[in-house]
Amino acid sequence: MVLKTRDDYLKVISKMRPNIYKFGELIKDVTTHPATKRVVESHALNYDASHDQVLEKIYTTNSSLTGEKI
């Protein structure tokens, strides 16, 4: 299992079509809408951290089943 990257996360989340409304307006893309963009970006930082040499020990672990980094 390969750890997802920021780009992987953003690609998947942009394809999702959640039923989210803000002030009566349907949010079509949570990665670009001003009401949700910052939340998505803050989650993307976790994916960045899992690939950072300094932070990877905090954000990842090894699976007890497969031994792979998760």
Protein backbone atom coordinates (compact mmCIF):
# COMPACT_ATOMS: atom_id res chain seq x y z
CA MET A 1 0.00 0.00 0.00
CA VAL A 2 1.47 3.30 -1.07
CA LEU A 3 0.76 6.37 1.03
CA LYS A 4 -1.42 8.90 -0.75
CA THR A 5 0.02 12.27 -1.63
CA ARG A 6 -1.58 15.70 -1.42
CA ASP A 7 -2.31 15.54 -5.15
CA ASP A 8 -3.96 12.12 -4.79
CA TYR A 9 -6.17 13.44 -2.00
CA LEU A 10 -7.15 16.60 -3.87
CA LYS A 11 -7.91 14.64 -7.04
CA VAL A 12 -10.21 12.23 -5.19
CA ILE A 13 -11.95 14.91 -3.13
CA SER A 14 -12.57 17.11 -6.18
CA LYS A 15 -14.35 14.22 -7.94
CA MET A 16 -16.71 13.72 -5.00
CA ARG A 17 -20.08 15.41 -5.22
CA PRO A 18 -21.17 15.93 -1.60
CA ASN A 19 -24.54 17.49 -0.93
CA ILE A 20 -23.20 20.66 0.75
CA TYR A 21 -25.01 23.99 0.69
CA LYS A 22 -23.80 27.37 1.93
CA PHE A 23 -26.34 30.21 2.10
CA GLY A 24 -28.64 28.20 -0.19
CA GLU A 25 -25.93 27.67 -2.82
CA LEU A 26 -24.79 24.15 -3.75
CA ILE A 27 -21.04 23.76 -3.40
CA LYS A 28 -19.98 21.91 -6.54
CA ASP A 29 -16.24 21.62 -5.87
CA VAL A 30 -15.08 21.65 -2.24
CA THR A 31 -11.46 22.16 -3.30
CA THR A 32 -12.15 25.56 -4.84
CA HIS A 33 -15.18 26.98 -3.02
CA PRO A 34 -14.21 29.71 -0.50
CA ALA A 35 -16.36 28.15 2.25
CA THR A 36 -14.59 24.77 2.12
CA LYS A 37 -11.21 25.34 0.46
CA ARG A 38 -9.34 26.03 3.71
CA VAL A 39 -10.67 22.87 5.37
CA VAL A 40 -9.61 20.78 2.38
CA GLU A 41 -6.18 22.42 2.39
CA SER A 42 -5.73 21.75 6.10
CA HIS A 43 -6.48 18.06 5.52
CA ALA A 44 -4.04 18.05 2.59
CA LEU A 45 -1.31 19.19 4.98
CA ASN A 46 -1.58 15.81 6.72
CA TYR A 47 -0.74 14.08 3.45
CA ASP A 48 2.26 16.39 3.04
CA ALA A 49 3.39 15.59 6.59
CA SER A 50 3.27 11.83 5.99
CA HIS A 51 5.89 12.30 3.25
CA ASP A 52 8.08 14.72 5.21
CA GLN A 53 11.24 13.07 6.62
CA VAL A 54 10.98 14.95 9.91
CA LEU A 55 7.25 14.42 10.48
CA GLU A 56 6.68 10.96 9.00
CA LYS A 57 7.31 9.22 12.34
CA ILE A 58 4.42 11.19 13.85
CA TYR A 59 2.00 10.79 10.94
CA THR A 60 2.69 7.19 9.92
CA THR A 61 3.04 3.78 11.49
CA ASN A 62 3.60 0.22 10.32
CA SER A 63 0.63 -2.06 9.87
CA SER A 64 0.56 -4.93 12.35
CA LEU A 65 -0.95 -7.11 9.61
CA THR A 66 1.31 -6.38 6.63
CA GLY A 67 4.26 -4.52 8.10
CA GLU A 68 3.81 -1.79 5.48
CA LYS A 69 3.88 1.90 6.30
CA ILE A 70 0.37 3.31 6.68
